[in-house]
Amino acid sequence: MKKVKLMKIKICGMRNVINIAEVSMLKPDYIGFIFYEKSPRYAGELNHAVLESLFSNTLSVGVFVNATIEHVVETAEYYKLNAIQLHGNETPEYCAELSTKYKCEIIKAFGIKSEDDFANVSDYEYFCDYFLFDTKTDLYGGSGNKFDHNVLTSYKGKKPFFISGGITLDDVVNIKNNRHELCVGIDVNSGFEISPGLKDVAKIKKLLNFFKQTPNEQDI
């Protein structure tokens, strides 16, 4: 019988110190911090000690949008980031250079609406550890809008990926039951918030409990 790997869970867009501690204690796989100044969830004023105090085995992810490599590296070193997520129009060459200057997991995000949006993702495979497929909008993520996950059947790449885009508790059963073989996890944000940057701890606890259950125990 084939063993199904547990989904990785990334809680993104955090900036409240107490809220970060509460979510960290629930042991998600990743907690994401947005270093894009135009975002309502901008985390650039957090003290680096906050990220370093995350619960053991929870990785810190810095999210950047079209930032210079120098800025990304400087920020990553200050916060001791475990992963970097690129959510803008960064090129494969950019990812290649970044991978040589700061050693960590690199996640490249792509806006998805139709199968045409997978056309160039293979150019990034060698330089990234994961892809992240989000809803295609004029914004750089955080729109709260969903995309049709059926389009993922058109993805023919080899790189494992996360899915994002307006995910709520109402979506998780369908996501788990119709999981693409290369989908390693989900990235949640606005669907688990009380207000921008402030997460609903009770909802996140339900989310994590659901994905840690065996198939016969699933309940949401």
N, C-alpha and C. Protein backbone atom coordinates (compact mmCIF):
# COMPACT_ATOMS: atom_id res chain seq x y z
N MET A 1 0.84 -1.20 0.00
CA MET A 1 0.00 0.00 0.00
C MET A 1 0.88 1.25 0.00
N LYS A 2 0.63 2.16 -0.91
CA LYS A 2 1.45 3.37 -1.02
C LYS A 2 1.20 4.29 0.17
N LYS A 3 2.28 4.74 0.79
CA LYS A 3 2.16 5.63 1.94
C LYS A 3 1.99 7.07 1.46
N VAL A 4 0.95 7.73 1.95
CA VAL A 4 0.68 9.11 1.57
C VAL A 4 1.42 10.06 2.51
N LYS A 5 2.21 10.95 1.95
CA LYS A 5 2.95 11.89 2.77
C LYS A 5 2.01 12.96 3.32
N LEU A 6 2.26 13.37 4.55
CA LEU A 6 1.45 14.42 5.15
C LEU A 6 1.67 15.74 4.43
N MET A 7 0.64 16.53 4.34
CA MET A 7 0.73 17.84 3.72
C MET A 7 1.52 18.79 4.61
N LYS A 8 2.36 19.60 4.00
CA LYS A 8 3.03 20.67 4.72
C LYS A 8 2.08 21.86 4.82
N ILE A 9 2.09 22.52 5.96
CA ILE A 9 1.20 23.65 6.17
C ILE A 9 2.01 24.92 6.42
N LYS A 10 1.75 25.93 5.61
CA LYS A 10 2.42 27.22 5.74
C LYS A 10 1.38 28.27 6.13
N ILE A 11 1.62 28.94 7.24
CA ILE A 11 0.77 30.03 7.70
C ILE A 11 1.49 31.33 7.34
N CYS A 12 0.92 32.09 6.43
CA CYS A 12 1.65 33.25 5.91
C CYS A 12 1.01 34.57 6.34
N GLY A 13 1.82 35.63 6.29
CA GLY A 13 1.32 36.97 6.55
C GLY A 13 1.19 37.32 8.01
N MET A 14 2.15 36.87 8.84
CA MET A 14 2.08 37.14 10.27
C MET A 14 2.99 38.30 10.66
N ARG A 15 2.56 39.06 11.69
CA ARG A 15 3.38 40.18 12.15
C ARG A 15 3.14 40.55 13.61
N ASN A 16 2.08 40.02 14.23
CA ASN A 16 1.78 40.31 15.63
C ASN A 16 2.56 39.35 16.52
N VAL A 17 3.36 39.88 17.43
CA VAL A 17 4.29 39.07 18.22
C VAL A 17 3.56 37.99 19.03
N ILE A 18 2.51 38.35 19.74
CA ILE A 18 1.78 37.38 20.55
C ILE A 18 1.11 36.34 19.66
N ASN A 19 0.52 36.79 18.58
CA ASN A 19 -0.14 35.89 17.63
C ASN A 19 0.86 34.91 17.02
N ILE A 20 2.05 35.39 16.71
CA ILE A 20 3.10 34.52 16.16
C ILE A 20 3.44 33.41 17.16
N ALA A 21 3.56 33.78 18.43
CA ALA A 21 3.88 32.79 19.47
C ALA A 21 2.77 31.75 19.59
N GLU A 22 1.52 32.21 19.54
CA GLU A 22 0.38 31.29 19.66
C GLU A 22 0.33 30.30 18.49
N VAL A 23 0.54 30.80 17.29
CA VAL A 23 0.51 29.94 16.11
C VAL A 23 1.72 29.01 16.09
N SER A 24 2.85 29.52 16.49
CA SER A 24 4.06 28.71 16.52
C SER A 24 3.91 27.48 17.41
N MET A 25 3.20 27.64 18.52
CA MET A 25 3.00 26.53 19.45
C MET A 25 2.16 25.41 18.84
N LEU A 26 1.43 25.71 17.78
CA LEU A 26 0.62 24.69 17.11
C LEU A 26 1.46 23.85 16.13
N LYS A 27 2.69 24.25 15.93
CA LYS A 27 3.67 23.52 15.14
C LYS A 27 3.33 23.39 13.64
N PRO A 28 3.01 24.50 12.98
CA PRO A 28 2.91 24.41 11.52
C PRO A 28 4.30 24.17 10.94
N ASP A 29 4.36 23.76 9.69
CA ASP A 29 5.66 23.50 9.08
C ASP A 29 6.41 24.79 8.77
N TYR A 30 5.66 25.82 8.36
CA TYR A 30 6.25 27.10 8.01
C TYR A 30 5.39 28.24 8.55
N ILE A 31 6.05 29.32 8.93
CA ILE A 31 5.35 30.57 9.20
C ILE A 31 5.98 31.63 8.30
N GLY A 32 5.13 32.32 7.53
CA GLY A 32 5.62 33.27 6.55
C GLY A 32 5.51 34.71 7.00
N PHE A 33 6.54 35.48 6.67
CA PHE A 33 6.61 36.90 7.01
C PHE A 33 6.83 37.69 5.72
N ILE A 34 5.95 38.65 5.49
CA ILE A 34 5.96 39.39 4.23
C ILE A 34 6.83 40.64 4.35
N PHE A 35 7.85 40.71 3.52
CA PHE A 35 8.76 41.86 3.51
C PHE A 35 8.54 42.70 2.25
N TYR A 36 7.28 42.96 1.99
CA TYR A 36 6.86 43.80 0.86
C TYR A 36 6.09 44.97 1.47
N GLU A 37 6.66 46.15 1.37
CA GLU A 37 6.15 47.29 2.13
C GLU A 37 4.72 47.69 1.78
N LYS A 38 4.26 47.35 0.59
CA LYS A 38 2.90 47.72 0.21
C LYS A 38 1.85 46.76 0.75
N SER A 39 2.29 45.68 1.34
CA SER A 39 1.35 44.70 1.88
C SER A 39 0.79 45.16 3.22
N PRO A 40 -0.51 44.95 3.48
CA PRO A 40 -1.07 45.27 4.80
C PRO A 40 -0.53 44.34 5.89
N ARG A 41 0.20 43.31 5.48
CA ARG A 41 0.79 42.36 6.42
C ARG A 41 2.31 42.51 6.49
N TYR A 42 2.79 43.67 6.14
CA TYR A 42 4.23 43.93 6.13
C TYR A 42 4.84 43.67 7.51
N ALA A 43 5.89 42.86 7.53
CA ALA A 43 6.49 42.43 8.80
C ALA A 43 7.87 43.00 9.02
N GLY A 44 8.24 44.02 8.26
CA GLY A 44 9.60 44.53 8.30
C GLY A 44 10.03 45.21 9.57
N GLU A 45 9.08 45.44 10.49
CA GLU A 45 9.45 46.10 11.75
C GLU A 45 9.59 45.12 12.91
N LEU A 46 9.45 43.82 12.62
CA LEU A 46 9.61 42.81 13.67
C LEU A 46 11.07 42.70 14.08
N ASN A 47 11.28 42.46 15.34
CA ASN A 47 12.64 42.19 15.82
C ASN A 47 13.05 40.79 15.38
N HIS A 48 14.30 40.63 14.99
CA HIS A 48 14.76 39.33 14.50
C HIS A 48 14.60 38.22 15.53
N ALA A 49 14.61 38.56 16.81
CA ALA A 49 14.48 37.55 17.86
C ALA A 49 13.13 36.85 17.81
N VAL A 50 12.10 37.54 17.29
CA VAL A 50 10.77 36.94 17.19
C VAL A 50 10.81 35.73 16.26
N LEU A 51 11.46 35.87 15.12
CA LEU A 51 11.53 34.78 14.17
C LEU A 51 12.42 33.65 14.68
N GLU A 52 13.45 34.01 15.42
CA GLU A 52 14.36 33.00 15.93
C GLU A 52 13.74 32.17 17.05
N SER A 53 12.65 32.67 17.63
CA SER A 53 12.02 31.97 18.76
C SER A 53 10.88 31.05 18.33
N LEU A 54 10.72 30.84 17.03
CA LEU A 54 9.66 29.95 16.56
C LEU A 54 9.84 28.55 17.14
N PHE A 55 8.72 27.86 17.31
CA PHE A 55 8.75 26.51 17.85
C PHE A 55 9.66 25.63 17.01
N SER A 56 10.35 24.73 17.66
CA SER A 56 11.28 23.84 16.97
C SER A 56 10.61 23.14 15.80
N ASN A 57 11.31 23.08 14.68
CA ASN A 57 10.87 22.45 13.43
C ASN A 57 9.89 23.30 12.62
N THR A 58 9.53 24.48 13.10
CA THR A 58 8.76 25.40 12.29
C THR A 58 9.73 26.34 11.59
N LEU A 59 9.68 26.37 10.28
CA LEU A 59 10.64 27.15 9.50
C LEU A 59 10.09 28.55 9.21
N SER A 60 10.97 29.53 9.24
CA SER A 60 10.59 30.91 8.93
C SER A 60 10.80 31.16 7.44
N VAL A 61 9.79 31.79 6.82
CA VAL A 61 9.83 32.08 5.39
C VAL A 61 9.70 33.59 5.18
N GLY A 62 10.61 34.17 4.46
CA GLY A 62 10.50 35.57 4.10
C GLY A 62 9.91 35.69 2.71
N VAL A 63 8.86 36.50 2.55
CA VAL A 63 8.20 36.68 1.26
C VAL A 63 8.62 38.02 0.68
N PHE A 64 9.11 38.00 -0.55
CA PHE A 64 9.62 39.21 -1.20
C PHE A 64 8.97 39.38 -2.57
N VAL A 65 8.84 40.63 -2.99
CA VAL A 65 8.23 40.95 -4.28
C VAL A 65 9.16 41.89 -5.05
N ASN A 66 9.81 41.38 -6.06
CA ASN A 66 10.66 42.19 -6.94
C ASN A 66 11.69 43.02 -6.18
N ALA A 67 12.21 42.46 -5.11
CA ALA A 67 13.24 43.14 -4.32
C ALA A 67 14.62 42.88 -4.93
N THR A 68 15.56 43.74 -4.64
CA THR A 68 16.92 43.48 -5.11
C THR A 68 17.48 42.27 -4.35
N ILE A 69 18.38 41.57 -4.99
CA ILE A 69 19.00 40.42 -4.34
C ILE A 69 19.72 40.85 -3.08
N GLU A 70 20.35 42.02 -3.13
CA GLU A 70 21.07 42.52 -1.95
C GLU A 70 20.11 42.72 -0.77
N HIS A 71 18.93 43.26 -1.04
CA HIS A 71 17.95 43.46 0.03
C HIS A 71 17.45 42.13 0.58
N VAL A 72 17.20 41.18 -0.30
CA VAL A 72 16.73 39.87 0.15
C VAL A 72 17.77 39.21 1.04
N VAL A 73 19.01 39.21 0.60
CA VAL A 73 20.07 38.57 1.37
C VAL A 73 20.28 39.26 2.72
N GLU A 74 20.28 40.59 2.71
CA GLU A 74 20.46 41.34 3.96
C GLU A 74 19.34 41.03 4.95
N THR A 75 18.11 41.00 4.45
CA THR A 75 16.96 40.70 5.31
C THR A 75 17.01 39.26 5.80
N ALA A 76 17.35 38.34 4.91
CA ALA A 76 17.42 36.92 5.28
C ALA A 76 18.49 36.68 6.34
N GLU A 77 19.60 37.36 6.23
CA GLU A 77 20.67 37.20 7.22
C GLU A 77 20.27 37.80 8.57
N TYR A 78 19.61 38.94 8.54
CA TYR A 78 19.19 39.60 9.79
C TYR A 78 18.18 38.74 10.55
N TYR A 79 17.22 38.16 9.80
CA TYR A 79 16.17 37.37 10.45
C TYR A 79 16.50 35.88 10.51
N LYS A 80 17.64 35.50 9.94
CA LYS A 80 18.04 34.08 9.90
C LYS A 80 16.93 33.22 9.28
N LEU A 81 16.47 33.64 8.13
CA LEU A 81 15.37 32.96 7.46
C LEU A 81 15.76 31.56 7.02
N ASN A 82 14.81 30.64 7.14
CA ASN A 82 15.02 29.27 6.68
C ASN A 82 14.62 29.08 5.22
N ALA A 83 13.78 29.97 4.72
CA ALA A 83 13.30 29.87 3.34
C ALA A 83 12.97 31.25 2.81
N ILE A 84 13.04 31.38 1.50
CA ILE A 84 12.70 32.63 0.82
C ILE A 84 11.64 32.32 -0.23
N GLN A 85 10.56 33.10 -0.21
CA GLN A 85 9.50 32.97 -1.20
C GLN A 85 9.49 34.20 -2.09
N LEU A 86 9.57 33.98 -3.38
CA LEU A 86 9.62 35.07 -4.35
C LEU A 86 8.26 35.18 -5.02
N HIS A 87 7.59 36.31 -4.81
CA HIS A 87 6.20 36.43 -5.23
C HIS A 87 6.00 37.47 -6.32
N GLY A 88 7.08 37.88 -6.96
CA GLY A 88 6.97 38.90 -8.00
C GLY A 88 7.30 38.36 -9.37
N ASN A 89 8.00 39.17 -10.16
CA ASN A 89 8.35 38.80 -11.53
C ASN A 89 9.82 38.39 -11.64
N GLU A 90 10.34 37.80 -10.60
CA GLU A 90 11.74 37.40 -10.57
C GLU A 90 12.03 36.37 -11.68
N THR A 91 13.18 36.52 -12.32
CA THR A 91 13.55 35.66 -13.44
C THR A 91 14.29 34.41 -12.95
N PRO A 92 14.44 33.41 -13.82
CA PRO A 92 15.27 32.25 -13.45
C PRO A 92 16.69 32.65 -13.10
N GLU A 93 17.23 33.65 -13.81
CA GLU A 93 18.59 34.11 -13.53
C GLU A 93 18.68 34.73 -12.14
N TYR A 94 17.64 35.45 -11.76
CA TYR A 94 17.57 36.03 -10.41
C TYR A 94 17.61 34.91 -9.38
N CYS A 95 16.80 33.89 -9.58
CA CYS A 95 16.75 32.77 -8.63
C CYS A 95 18.10 32.05 -8.56
N ALA A 96 18.74 31.92 -9.70
CA ALA A 96 20.04 31.26 -9.73
C ALA A 96 21.07 32.03 -8.93
N GLU A 97 21.09 33.34 -9.10
CA GLU A 97 22.05 34.16 -8.36
C GLU A 97 21.75 34.15 -6.86
N LEU A 98 20.47 34.26 -6.53
CA LEU A 98 20.09 34.26 -5.12
C LEU A 98 20.49 32.95 -4.44
N SER A 99 20.33 31.85 -5.15
CA SER A 99 20.65 30.54 -4.56
C SER A 99 22.13 30.39 -4.23
N THR A 100 22.97 31.16 -4.90
CA THR A 100 24.40 31.11 -4.61
C THR A 100 24.80 32.04 -3.48
N LYS A 101 23.95 33.02 -3.16
CA LYS A 101 24.31 34.03 -2.17
C LYS A 101 23.68 33.81 -0.80
N TYR A 102 22.61 33.00 -0.75
CA TYR A 102 22.01 32.69 0.54
C TYR A 102 21.45 31.27 0.47
N LYS A 103 22.00 30.39 1.30
CA LYS A 103 21.64 28.98 1.24
C LYS A 103 20.41 28.71 2.10
N CYS A 104 19.31 28.45 1.43
CA CYS A 104 18.07 28.11 2.12
C CYS A 104 17.09 27.56 1.08
N GLU A 105 15.92 27.16 1.52
CA GLU A 105 14.89 26.75 0.57
C GLU A 105 14.41 27.98 -0.20
N ILE A 106 14.20 27.80 -1.48
CA ILE A 106 13.65 28.88 -2.31
C ILE A 106 12.33 28.41 -2.90
N ILE A 107 11.30 29.22 -2.69
CA ILE A 107 9.96 28.94 -3.20
C ILE A 107 9.59 30.03 -4.20
N LYS A 108 9.28 29.65 -5.42
CA LYS A 108 8.89 30.64 -6.43
C LYS A 108 7.38 30.56 -6.66
N ALA A 109 6.72 31.69 -6.51
CA ALA A 109 5.26 31.75 -6.67
C ALA A 109 4.88 32.13 -8.10
N PHE A 110 3.78 31.56 -8.57
CA PHE A 110 3.24 31.87 -9.89
C PHE A 110 1.73 32.07 -9.78
N GLY A 111 1.23 33.10 -10.45
CA GLY A 111 -0.20 33.31 -10.53
C GLY A 111 -0.80 32.38 -11.57
N ILE A 112 -1.86 31.68 -11.19
CA ILE A 112 -2.44 30.66 -12.07
C ILE A 112 -3.92 30.95 -12.32
N LYS A 113 -4.29 30.91 -13.59
CA LYS A 113 -5.70 31.02 -13.98
C LYS A 113 -6.07 29.93 -14.98
N SER A 114 -5.16 29.67 -15.92
CA SER A 114 -5.39 28.65 -16.95
C SER A 114 -4.12 27.85 -17.16
N GLU A 115 -4.20 26.81 -17.98
CA GLU A 115 -3.04 25.95 -18.22
C GLU A 115 -1.91 26.72 -18.88
N ASP A 116 -2.19 27.82 -19.55
CA ASP A 116 -1.15 28.62 -20.18
C ASP A 116 -0.17 29.19 -19.16
N ASP A 117 -0.61 29.34 -17.93
CA ASP A 117 0.23 29.94 -16.89
C ASP A 117 1.33 29.00 -16.40
N PHE A 118 1.30 27.74 -16.84
CA PHE A 118 2.37 26.79 -16.50
C PHE A 118 3.47 26.78 -17.56
N ALA A 119 3.33 27.59 -18.60
CA ALA A 119 4.20 27.50 -19.77
C ALA A 119 5.68 27.65 -19.44
N ASN A 120 6.01 28.57 -18.56
CA ASN A 120 7.43 28.88 -18.32
C ASN A 120 7.96 28.44 -16.96
N VAL A 121 7.14 27.74 -16.18
CA VAL A 121 7.58 27.42 -14.82
C VAL A 121 8.77 26.45 -14.82
N SER A 122 8.88 25.63 -15.86
CA SER A 122 9.98 24.66 -15.90
C SER A 122 11.34 25.35 -15.96
N ASP A 123 11.38 26.60 -16.42
CA ASP A 123 12.64 27.34 -16.48
C ASP A 123 13.23 27.56 -15.10
N TYR A 124 12.40 27.45 -14.07
CA TYR A 124 12.83 27.73 -12.69
C TYR A 124 13.16 26.46 -11.90
N GLU A 125 12.92 25.29 -12.47
CA GLU A 125 13.00 24.06 -11.69
C GLU A 125 14.36 23.83 -11.03
N TYR A 126 15.41 24.13 -11.75
CA TYR A 126 16.75 23.82 -11.25
C TYR A 126 17.14 24.70 -10.07
N PHE A 127 16.55 25.90 -9.97
CA PHE A 127 17.00 26.88 -8.99
C PHE A 127 16.09 27.00 -7.77
N CYS A 128 14.98 26.28 -7.76
CA CYS A 128 14.01 26.41 -6.67
C CYS A 128 13.74 25.05 -6.03
N ASP A 129 13.39 25.09 -4.77
CA ASP A 129 13.04 23.86 -4.06
C ASP A 129 11.57 23.51 -4.22
N TYR A 130 10.75 24.55 -4.26
CA TYR A 130 9.31 24.36 -4.43
C TYR A 130 8.75 25.48 -5.31
N PHE A 131 7.62 25.20 -5.94
CA PHE A 131 6.80 26.24 -6.54
C PHE A 131 5.61 26.48 -5.63
N LEU A 132 4.98 27.64 -5.82
CA LEU A 132 3.72 27.95 -5.14
C LEU A 132 2.76 28.49 -6.18
N PHE A 133 1.62 27.83 -6.32
CA PHE A 133 0.63 28.24 -7.30
C PHE A 133 -0.49 28.99 -6.59
N ASP A 134 -0.62 30.27 -6.94
CA ASP A 134 -1.57 31.17 -6.30
C ASP A 134 -2.56 31.67 -7.35
N THR A 135 -3.59 32.34 -6.90
CA THR A 135 -4.58 32.90 -7.82
C THR A 135 -3.97 34.06 -8.61
N LYS A 136 -4.17 34.05 -9.90
CA LYS A 136 -3.64 35.12 -10.75
C LYS A 136 -4.51 36.36 -10.64
N THR A 137 -3.92 37.43 -10.14
CA THR A 137 -4.62 38.71 -10.01
C THR A 137 -3.62 39.82 -10.32
N ASP A 138 -4.08 41.05 -10.25
CA ASP A 138 -3.19 42.20 -10.45
C ASP A 138 -2.35 42.46 -9.21
N LEU A 139 -2.69 41.80 -8.12
CA LEU A 139 -1.96 41.96 -6.87
C LEU A 139 -0.87 40.89 -6.77
N TYR A 140 0.05 41.08 -5.85
CA TYR A 140 1.10 40.08 -5.62
C TYR A 140 0.70 39.21 -4.44
N GLY A 141 -0.37 38.44 -4.60
CA GLY A 141 -0.83 37.56 -3.54
C GLY A 141 -1.69 38.30 -2.53
N GLY A 142 -2.27 37.54 -1.60
CA GLY A 142 -3.06 38.14 -0.53
C GLY A 142 -4.41 38.68 -0.99
N SER A 143 -4.87 38.25 -2.18
CA SER A 143 -6.13 38.77 -2.69
C SER A 143 -7.34 38.13 -2.03
N GLY A 144 -7.15 36.94 -1.50
CA GLY A 144 -8.28 36.21 -0.93
C GLY A 144 -9.12 35.50 -1.97
N ASN A 145 -8.71 35.57 -3.23
CA ASN A 145 -9.46 34.93 -4.31
C ASN A 145 -8.94 33.52 -4.57
N LYS A 146 -9.82 32.64 -5.00
CA LYS A 146 -9.47 31.26 -5.29
C LYS A 146 -9.25 31.08 -6.79
N PHE A 147 -8.51 30.03 -7.15
CA PHE A 147 -8.48 29.61 -8.54
C PHE A 147 -8.99 28.17 -8.62
N ASP A 148 -9.38 27.76 -9.81
CA ASP A 148 -9.92 26.43 -10.02
C ASP A 148 -8.79 25.40 -9.94
N HIS A 149 -8.77 24.61 -8.88
CA HIS A 149 -7.69 23.65 -8.69
C HIS A 149 -7.68 22.55 -9.73
N ASN A 150 -8.75 22.41 -10.50
CA ASN A 150 -8.76 21.41 -11.57
C ASN A 150 -7.71 21.71 -12.64
N VAL A 151 -7.31 22.99 -12.72
CA VAL A 151 -6.31 23.35 -13.73
C VAL A 151 -4.95 22.74 -13.41
N LEU A 152 -4.75 22.30 -12.16
CA LEU A 152 -3.48 21.70 -11.78
C LEU A 152 -3.19 20.41 -12.53
N THR A 153 -4.22 19.80 -13.10
CA THR A 153 -3.99 18.59 -13.90
C THR A 153 -3.16 18.90 -15.14
N SER A 154 -3.08 20.18 -15.50
CA SER A 154 -2.30 20.59 -16.68
C SER A 154 -0.83 20.79 -16.34
N TYR A 155 -0.49 20.75 -15.06
CA TYR A 155 0.91 20.92 -14.66
C TYR A 155 1.66 19.63 -14.91
N LYS A 156 2.66 19.68 -15.78
CA LYS A 156 3.43 18.50 -16.16
C LYS A 156 4.88 18.58 -15.68
N GLY A 157 5.15 19.53 -14.79
CA GLY A 157 6.52 19.69 -14.30
C GLY A 157 6.92 18.62 -13.30
N LYS A 158 8.14 18.72 -12.82
CA LYS A 158 8.68 17.75 -11.87
C LYS A 158 8.88 18.34 -10.47
N LYS A 159 8.73 19.64 -10.37
CA LYS A 159 8.99 20.31 -9.09
C LYS A 159 7.75 20.21 -8.19
N PRO A 160 7.90 19.79 -6.93
CA PRO A 160 6.76 19.78 -6.00
C PRO A 160 6.30 21.20 -5.71
N PHE A 161 5.02 21.33 -5.33
CA PHE A 161 4.46 22.66 -5.17
C PHE A 161 3.48 22.76 -4.01
N PHE A 162 3.29 24.01 -3.57
CA PHE A 162 2.25 24.38 -2.62
C PHE A 162 1.12 25.02 -3.43
N ILE A 163 -0.10 24.99 -2.88
CA ILE A 163 -1.19 25.76 -3.47
C ILE A 163 -1.66 26.80 -2.47
N SER A 164 -2.09 27.93 -2.99
CA SER A 164 -2.53 29.04 -2.17
C SER A 164 -3.70 29.71 -2.89
N GLY A 165 -4.20 30.79 -2.30
CA GLY A 165 -5.25 31.56 -2.94
C GLY A 165 -6.60 31.40 -2.28
N GLY A 166 -6.86 32.15 -1.25
CA GLY A 166 -8.18 32.20 -0.63
C GLY A 166 -8.63 30.92 0.04
N ILE A 167 -7.71 30.05 0.41
CA ILE A 167 -8.08 28.78 1.03
C ILE A 167 -8.70 29.01 2.41
N THR A 168 -9.81 28.32 2.68
CA THR A 168 -10.47 28.36 3.98
C THR A 168 -10.71 26.93 4.46
N LEU A 169 -11.30 26.79 5.64
CA LEU A 169 -11.62 25.46 6.15
C LEU A 169 -12.59 24.72 5.25
N ASP A 170 -13.41 25.46 4.51
CA ASP A 170 -14.38 24.84 3.61
C ASP A 170 -13.71 24.12 2.44
N ASP A 171 -12.45 24.43 2.18
CA ASP A 171 -11.76 23.87 1.02
C ASP A 171 -10.90 22.65 1.32
N VAL A 172 -10.59 22.41 2.59
CA VAL A 172 -9.51 21.47 2.89
C VAL A 172 -9.85 20.02 2.58
N VAL A 173 -11.11 19.61 2.74
CA VAL A 173 -11.48 18.23 2.42
C VAL A 173 -11.29 17.96 0.94
N ASN A 174 -11.75 18.88 0.10
CA ASN A 174 -11.59 18.72 -1.34
C ASN A 174 -10.12 18.73 -1.74
N ILE A 175 -9.33 19.60 -1.12
CA ILE A 175 -7.90 19.67 -1.43
C ILE A 175 -7.22 18.35 -1.09
N LYS A 176 -7.55 17.80 0.06
CA LYS A 176 -6.90 16.56 0.49
C LYS A 176 -7.36 15.37 -0.35
N ASN A 177 -8.64 15.32 -0.67
CA ASN A 177 -9.18 14.18 -1.42
C ASN A 177 -8.82 14.20 -2.89
N ASN A 178 -8.50 15.37 -3.43
CA ASN A 178 -8.16 15.50 -4.85
C ASN A 178 -6.75 16.03 -5.04
N ARG A 179 -5.88 15.59 -4.21
CA ARG A 179 -4.51 16.10 -4.16
C ARG A 179 -3.69 15.64 -5.37
N HIS A 180 -3.08 16.58 -6.06
CA HIS A 180 -2.13 16.30 -7.14
C HIS A 180 -0.92 15.59 -6.53
N GLU A 181 -0.34 14.65 -7.25
CA GLU A 181 0.75 13.86 -6.69
C GLU A 181 1.97 14.69 -6.32
N LEU A 182 2.13 15.87 -6.90
CA LEU A 182 3.28 16.73 -6.57
C LEU A 182 2.91 17.88 -5.63
N CYS A 183 1.67 17.90 -5.17
CA CYS A 183 1.28 18.93 -4.20
C CYS A 183 1.74 18.51 -2.82
N VAL A 184 2.69 19.25 -2.27
CA VAL A 184 3.26 18.88 -0.97
C VAL A 184 2.64 19.65 0.18
N GLY A 185 1.86 20.71 -0.13
CA GLY A 185 1.31 21.47 0.98
C GLY A 185 0.43 22.62 0.54
N ILE A 186 -0.09 23.33 1.53
CA ILE A 186 -0.92 24.50 1.27
C ILE A 186 -0.36 25.70 2.01
N ASP A 187 -0.63 26.85 1.45
CA ASP A 187 -0.23 28.12 2.02
C ASP A 187 -1.51 28.90 2.32
N VAL A 188 -1.75 29.19 3.59
CA VAL A 188 -2.99 29.90 3.96
C VAL A 188 -2.66 31.27 4.53
N ASN A 189 -3.61 32.19 4.34
CA ASN A 189 -3.39 33.55 4.77
C ASN A 189 -4.72 34.20 5.16
N SER A 190 -5.32 34.92 4.23
CA SER A 190 -6.50 35.74 4.56
C SER A 190 -7.70 34.92 5.02
N GLY A 191 -7.81 33.66 4.58
CA GLY A 191 -8.93 32.83 4.97
C GLY A 191 -8.88 32.36 6.41
N PHE A 192 -7.80 32.68 7.10
CA PHE A 192 -7.64 32.27 8.50
C PHE A 192 -7.30 33.49 9.37
N GLU A 193 -7.85 34.63 9.01
CA GLU A 193 -7.54 35.87 9.71
C GLU A 193 -8.74 36.48 10.42
N ILE A 194 -8.40 37.20 11.49
CA ILE A 194 -9.37 38.06 12.17
C ILE A 194 -9.30 39.45 11.52
N SER A 195 -8.09 39.87 11.21
CA SER A 195 -7.81 41.11 10.50
C SER A 195 -6.45 40.92 9.83
N PRO A 196 -6.06 41.77 8.87
CA PRO A 196 -4.79 41.58 8.17
C PRO A 196 -3.60 41.42 9.12
N GLY A 197 -2.94 40.27 9.04
CA GLY A 197 -1.78 40.01 9.88
C GLY A 197 -2.09 39.37 11.21
N LEU A 198 -3.36 39.27 11.58
CA LEU A 198 -3.76 38.67 12.86
C LEU A 198 -4.54 37.40 12.57
N LYS A 199 -3.95 36.25 12.87
CA LYS A 199 -4.55 34.97 12.52
C LYS A 199 -5.54 34.48 13.59
N ASP A 200 -6.54 33.73 13.11
CA ASP A 200 -7.53 33.10 13.98
C ASP A 200 -6.93 31.77 14.45
N VAL A 201 -6.46 31.74 15.68
CA VAL A 201 -5.73 30.58 16.20
C VAL A 201 -6.62 29.34 16.22
N ALA A 202 -7.90 29.50 16.56
CA ALA A 202 -8.81 28.35 16.61
C ALA A 202 -8.97 27.70 15.25
N LYS A 203 -9.09 28.52 14.20
CA LYS A 203 -9.22 27.99 12.84
C LYS A 203 -7.94 27.28 12.40
N ILE A 204 -6.80 27.85 12.75
CA ILE A 204 -5.53 27.23 12.37
C ILE A 204 -5.35 25.90 13.10
N LYS A 205 -5.78 25.84 14.33
CA LYS A 205 -5.70 24.59 15.08
C LYS A 205 -6.54 23.51 14.40
N LYS A 206 -7.75 23.86 13.94
CA LYS A 206 -8.59 22.91 13.21
C LYS A 206 -7.91 22.45 11.93
N LEU A 207 -7.30 23.39 11.22
CA LEU A 207 -6.61 23.08 9.98
C LEU A 207 -5.49 22.07 10.21
N LEU A 208 -4.66 22.35 11.20
CA LEU A 208 -3.52 21.48 11.48
C LEU A 208 -3.97 20.11 11.98
N ASN A 209 -4.98 20.09 12.82
CA ASN A 209 -5.50 18.81 13.32
C ASN A 209 -6.03 17.96 12.16
N PHE A 210 -6.71 18.59 11.22
CA PHE A 210 -7.27 17.86 10.09
C PHE A 210 -6.18 17.21 9.26
N PHE A 211 -5.12 17.93 8.98
CA PHE A 211 -4.08 17.38 8.12
C PHE A 211 -3.12 16.44 8.84
N LYS A 212 -3.25 16.34 10.15
CA LYS A 212 -2.45 15.37 10.90
C LYS A 212 -3.21 14.07 11.14
N GLN A 213 -4.51 14.05 10.82
CA GLN A 213 -5.32 12.87 11.04
C GLN A 213 -5.09 11.82 9.97
N THR A 214 -5.40 10.59 10.31
CA THR A 214 -5.38 9.52 9.32
C THR A 214 -6.62 9.64 8.45
N PRO A 215 -6.64 9.03 7.27
CA PRO A 215 -7.80 9.16 6.39
C PRO A 215 -9.12 8.77 7.03
N ASN A 216 -9.12 7.82 7.95
CA ASN A 216 -10.36 7.37 8.57
C ASN A 216 -10.83 8.29 9.70
N GLU A 217 -10.02 9.27 10.03
CA GLU A 217 -10.34 10.16 11.14
C GLU A 217 -10.68 11.56 10.68
N GLN A 218 -10.72 11.80 9.38
CA GLN A 218 -10.89 13.15 8.87
C GLN A 218 -12.25 13.72 9.26
N ASP A 219 -12.20 14.89 9.84
CA ASP A 219 -13.41 15.59 10.20
C ASP A 219 -13.06 17.06 10.33
N ILE A 220 -13.90 17.92 9.89
CA ILE A 220 -13.57 19.35 9.93
C ILE A 220 -14.76 20.16 10.40
